[in-house]
Amino acid sequence: MNLSQEVEECGYFEGYTLQRFVIITCFSAVSVFGVLANALLVAVFWRTLPVSVYLACLASMDLLLCLTYLLLFGVDAGIVYLKDKVFSL
């Protein structure tokens, strides 16, 4: 490979705009509330597990879905957007 040839980056990412960052932050707050509320529901349904297996599984899957959103979008947006803003000062 020549030094004059440009290496193509796979999956180039342009960053986050302020509008996108605010939207993701708002939905991340909803996701944090969802994680806490579903954790409470799992704890409540765990006590009466034989009768409420479906509800306990539903709450635990929703908890995992909210946690996945939070980790995939919220943390990534916070790190990328805030890193660009903090280090550009």
N, C-alpha and C. Protein backbone atom coordinates (compact mmCIF):
# COMPACT_ATOMS: atom_id res chain seq x y z
N MET A 1 0.85 -1.17 0.00
CA MET A 1 0.00 0.00 0.00
C MET A 1 0.89 1.23 0.00
N ASN A 2 0.56 2.20 -0.82
CA ASN A 2 1.29 3.45 -0.92
C ASN A 2 0.89 4.40 0.19
N LEU A 3 1.81 5.26 0.57
CA LEU A 3 1.48 6.28 1.56
C LEU A 3 0.56 7.35 0.98
N SER A 4 0.58 7.47 -0.35
CA SER A 4 -0.26 8.48 -0.98
C SER A 4 -1.73 8.06 -1.05
N GLN A 5 -1.98 6.77 -0.89
CA GLN A 5 -3.36 6.29 -0.92
C GLN A 5 -4.02 6.56 0.43
N GLU A 6 -5.24 7.04 0.37
CA GLU A 6 -5.97 7.28 1.61
C GLU A 6 -6.61 5.99 2.09
N VAL A 7 -6.56 5.80 3.38
CA VAL A 7 -7.19 4.64 3.96
C VAL A 7 -8.64 4.99 4.25
N GLU A 8 -9.53 4.19 3.72
CA GLU A 8 -10.96 4.45 3.92
C GLU A 8 -11.39 3.94 5.28
N GLU A 9 -12.02 4.81 6.04
CA GLU A 9 -12.51 4.42 7.35
C GLU A 9 -13.85 3.72 7.21
N CYS A 10 -13.99 2.66 7.94
CA CYS A 10 -15.25 1.94 7.93
C CYS A 10 -16.16 2.51 9.01
N GLY A 11 -17.34 2.92 8.64
CA GLY A 11 -18.29 3.42 9.61
C GLY A 11 -17.94 4.79 10.15
N TYR A 12 -17.61 5.72 9.29
CA TYR A 12 -17.27 7.08 9.74
C TYR A 12 -18.46 7.68 10.46
N PHE A 13 -18.19 8.32 11.58
CA PHE A 13 -19.25 8.90 12.41
C PHE A 13 -19.02 10.39 12.54
N GLU A 14 -20.04 11.18 12.20
CA GLU A 14 -19.87 12.62 12.18
C GLU A 14 -20.11 13.31 13.51
N GLY A 15 -20.63 12.63 14.49
CA GLY A 15 -20.86 13.23 15.79
C GLY A 15 -22.33 13.51 16.03
N TYR A 16 -22.61 14.26 17.09
CA TYR A 16 -23.98 14.57 17.48
C TYR A 16 -24.21 16.07 17.41
N THR A 17 -25.36 16.45 16.89
CA THR A 17 -25.77 17.86 16.94
C THR A 17 -26.38 18.11 18.31
N LEU A 18 -26.57 19.38 18.64
CA LEU A 18 -27.18 19.73 19.92
C LEU A 18 -28.60 19.19 20.02
N GLN A 19 -29.36 19.28 18.93
CA GLN A 19 -30.74 18.80 18.93
C GLN A 19 -30.79 17.30 19.19
N ARG A 20 -29.96 16.55 18.50
CA ARG A 20 -29.95 15.09 18.69
C ARG A 20 -29.49 14.73 20.10
N PHE A 21 -28.51 15.45 20.62
CA PHE A 21 -28.03 15.19 21.97
C PHE A 21 -29.12 15.44 23.00
N VAL A 22 -29.89 16.52 22.84
CA VAL A 22 -30.97 16.84 23.79
C VAL A 22 -32.06 15.78 23.73
N ILE A 23 -32.42 15.34 22.53
CA ILE A 23 -33.46 14.31 22.38
C ILE A 23 -33.00 13.01 23.02
N ILE A 24 -31.78 12.59 22.76
CA ILE A 24 -31.27 11.34 23.34
C ILE A 24 -31.16 11.46 24.85
N THR A 25 -30.78 12.63 25.35
CA THR A 25 -30.70 12.83 26.80
C THR A 25 -32.07 12.74 27.45
N CYS A 26 -33.08 13.32 26.82
CA CYS A 26 -34.45 13.23 27.37
C CYS A 26 -34.94 11.79 27.40
N PHE A 27 -34.73 11.07 26.32
CA PHE A 27 -35.17 9.68 26.29
C PHE A 27 -34.32 8.80 27.21
N SER A 28 -33.09 9.20 27.46
CA SER A 28 -32.27 8.46 28.42
C SER A 28 -32.79 8.65 29.84
N ALA A 29 -33.31 9.83 30.13
CA ALA A 29 -33.93 10.06 31.45
C ALA A 29 -35.17 9.19 31.60
N VAL A 30 -35.96 9.06 30.54
CA VAL A 30 -37.12 8.16 30.57
C VAL A 30 -36.66 6.72 30.75
N SER A 31 -35.57 6.37 30.11
CA SER A 31 -35.03 5.02 30.22
C SER A 31 -34.53 4.72 31.63
N VAL A 32 -33.91 5.70 32.29
CA VAL A 32 -33.47 5.51 33.68
C VAL A 32 -34.68 5.28 34.57
N PHE A 33 -35.74 6.07 34.37
CA PHE A 33 -36.97 5.86 35.12
C PHE A 33 -37.54 4.47 34.85
N GLY A 34 -37.49 4.02 33.60
CA GLY A 34 -37.97 2.69 33.24
C GLY A 34 -37.18 1.59 33.92
N VAL A 35 -35.87 1.76 34.00
CA VAL A 35 -35.03 0.76 34.68
C VAL A 35 -35.39 0.68 36.15
N LEU A 36 -35.54 1.83 36.80
CA LEU A 36 -35.87 1.84 38.23
C LEU A 36 -37.27 1.28 38.49
N ALA A 37 -38.24 1.69 37.69
CA ALA A 37 -39.61 1.21 37.89
C ALA A 37 -39.73 -0.28 37.62
N ASN A 38 -39.07 -0.76 36.58
CA ASN A 38 -39.14 -2.19 36.28
C ASN A 38 -38.37 -3.02 37.30
N ALA A 39 -37.31 -2.48 37.86
CA ALA A 39 -36.60 -3.19 38.93
C ALA A 39 -37.51 -3.33 40.15
N LEU A 40 -38.26 -2.29 40.44
CA LEU A 40 -39.23 -2.35 41.53
C LEU A 40 -40.32 -3.38 41.23
N LEU A 41 -40.81 -3.40 40.00
CA LEU A 41 -41.83 -4.38 39.62
C LEU A 41 -41.31 -5.81 39.70
N VAL A 42 -40.08 -6.03 39.26
CA VAL A 42 -39.50 -7.37 39.36
C VAL A 42 -39.40 -7.80 40.81
N ALA A 43 -39.01 -6.89 41.69
CA ALA A 43 -38.92 -7.21 43.12
C ALA A 43 -40.29 -7.54 43.70
N VAL A 44 -41.32 -6.82 43.27
CA VAL A 44 -42.67 -7.08 43.77
C VAL A 44 -43.20 -8.41 43.24
N PHE A 45 -43.02 -8.65 41.95
CA PHE A 45 -43.54 -9.88 41.36
C PHE A 45 -42.74 -11.11 41.76
N TRP A 46 -41.50 -10.92 42.18
CA TRP A 46 -40.66 -12.05 42.57
C TRP A 46 -41.20 -12.74 43.82
N ARG A 47 -41.86 -11.97 44.68
CA ARG A 47 -42.40 -12.53 45.92
C ARG A 47 -43.55 -13.48 45.64
N THR A 48 -44.35 -13.18 44.65
CA THR A 48 -45.48 -14.04 44.29
C THR A 48 -45.21 -14.71 42.95
N LEU A 49 -44.05 -15.30 42.82
CA LEU A 49 -43.59 -15.80 41.53
C LEU A 49 -44.50 -16.86 40.90
N PRO A 50 -44.99 -17.86 41.61
CA PRO A 50 -45.81 -18.86 40.91
C PRO A 50 -47.04 -18.27 40.21
N VAL A 51 -47.61 -17.24 40.79
CA VAL A 51 -48.81 -16.66 40.19
C VAL A 51 -48.48 -15.62 39.12
N SER A 52 -47.35 -14.99 39.24
CA SER A 52 -47.04 -13.86 38.35
C SER A 52 -45.75 -14.06 37.57
N VAL A 53 -45.56 -15.24 37.02
CA VAL A 53 -44.36 -15.51 36.23
C VAL A 53 -44.34 -14.64 34.98
N TYR A 54 -45.48 -14.54 34.32
CA TYR A 54 -45.55 -13.73 33.10
C TYR A 54 -45.22 -12.26 33.38
N LEU A 55 -45.79 -11.71 34.43
CA LEU A 55 -45.55 -10.31 34.75
C LEU A 55 -44.10 -10.06 35.16
N ALA A 56 -43.52 -11.00 35.90
CA ALA A 56 -42.11 -10.86 36.29
C ALA A 56 -41.20 -10.92 35.07
N CYS A 57 -41.50 -11.81 34.14
CA CYS A 57 -40.69 -11.90 32.91
C CYS A 57 -40.88 -10.66 32.05
N LEU A 58 -42.10 -10.16 31.97
CA LEU A 58 -42.37 -8.95 31.19
C LEU A 58 -41.63 -7.75 31.77
N ALA A 59 -41.65 -7.61 33.08
CA ALA A 59 -40.94 -6.50 33.72
C ALA A 59 -39.43 -6.64 33.56
N SER A 60 -38.92 -7.85 33.65
CA SER A 60 -37.47 -8.03 33.51
C SER A 60 -37.01 -7.79 32.08
N MET A 61 -37.80 -8.20 31.09
CA MET A 61 -37.43 -7.94 29.70
C MET A 61 -37.51 -6.44 29.38
N ASP A 62 -38.50 -5.76 29.93
CA ASP A 62 -38.59 -4.31 29.73
C ASP A 62 -37.43 -3.60 30.42
N LEU A 63 -37.03 -4.08 31.58
CA LEU A 63 -35.86 -3.53 32.28
C LEU A 63 -34.62 -3.67 31.42
N LEU A 64 -34.44 -4.84 30.82
CA LEU A 64 -33.27 -5.06 29.96
C LEU A 64 -33.33 -4.21 28.69
N LEU A 65 -34.53 -4.00 28.16
CA LEU A 65 -34.67 -3.16 26.98
C LEU A 65 -34.32 -1.71 27.29
N CYS A 66 -34.80 -1.20 28.42
CA CYS A 66 -34.46 0.17 28.83
C CYS A 66 -32.97 0.31 29.11
N LEU A 67 -32.39 -0.69 29.74
CA LEU A 67 -30.96 -0.67 30.03
C LEU A 67 -30.13 -0.71 28.75
N THR A 68 -30.58 -1.50 27.78
CA THR A 68 -29.88 -1.57 26.49
C THR A 68 -29.92 -0.22 25.78
N TYR A 69 -31.08 0.43 25.77
CA TYR A 69 -31.17 1.76 25.15
C TYR A 69 -30.23 2.73 25.84
N LEU A 70 -30.24 2.68 27.16
CA LEU A 70 -29.41 3.60 27.93
C LEU A 70 -27.93 3.40 27.62
N LEU A 71 -27.50 2.16 27.53
CA LEU A 71 -26.09 1.89 27.28
C LEU A 71 -25.69 2.14 25.83
N LEU A 72 -26.58 1.81 24.89
CA LEU A 72 -26.22 1.98 23.48
C LEU A 72 -26.30 3.43 23.01
N PHE A 73 -27.31 4.15 23.44
CA PHE A 73 -27.52 5.50 22.94
C PHE A 73 -27.11 6.58 23.94
N GLY A 74 -27.59 6.47 25.17
CA GLY A 74 -27.35 7.52 26.16
C GLY A 74 -25.89 7.70 26.51
N VAL A 75 -25.23 6.61 26.81
CA VAL A 75 -23.81 6.69 27.19
C VAL A 75 -22.97 7.13 26.01
N ASP A 76 -23.25 6.58 24.83
CA ASP A 76 -22.49 6.95 23.64
C ASP A 76 -22.66 8.43 23.30
N ALA A 77 -23.89 8.91 23.34
CA ALA A 77 -24.14 10.32 23.02
C ALA A 77 -23.47 11.23 24.04
N GLY A 78 -23.53 10.86 25.31
CA GLY A 78 -22.89 11.66 26.35
C GLY A 78 -21.39 11.72 26.18
N ILE A 79 -20.78 10.59 25.91
CA ILE A 79 -19.32 10.55 25.77
C ILE A 79 -18.88 11.33 24.53
N VAL A 80 -19.51 11.08 23.40
CA VAL A 80 -19.08 11.72 22.15
C VAL A 80 -19.36 13.22 22.17
N TYR A 81 -20.58 13.61 22.55
CA TYR A 81 -20.93 15.03 22.51
C TYR A 81 -20.17 15.83 23.56
N LEU A 82 -20.12 15.33 24.77
CA LEU A 82 -19.44 16.07 25.83
C LEU A 82 -17.93 16.09 25.65
N LYS A 83 -17.37 15.04 25.06
CA LYS A 83 -15.93 15.03 24.78
C LYS A 83 -15.60 16.11 23.76
N ASP A 84 -16.44 16.25 22.74
CA ASP A 84 -16.20 17.28 21.73
C ASP A 84 -16.32 18.67 22.33
N LYS A 85 -17.27 18.87 23.23
CA LYS A 85 -17.50 20.19 23.81
C LYS A 85 -16.47 20.54 24.88
N VAL A 86 -16.05 19.57 25.68
CA VAL A 86 -15.10 19.84 26.77
C VAL A 86 -13.70 20.07 26.22
N PHE A 87 -13.27 19.25 25.27
CA PHE A 87 -11.91 19.37 24.77
C PHE A 87 -11.76 20.47 23.73
N SER A 88 -12.86 21.04 23.25
CA SER A 88 -12.75 22.12 22.28
C SER A 88 -12.64 23.49 22.96
N LEU A 89 -12.78 23.53 24.28
CA LEU A 89 -12.68 24.80 25.01
C LEU A 89 -11.29 25.26 25.08
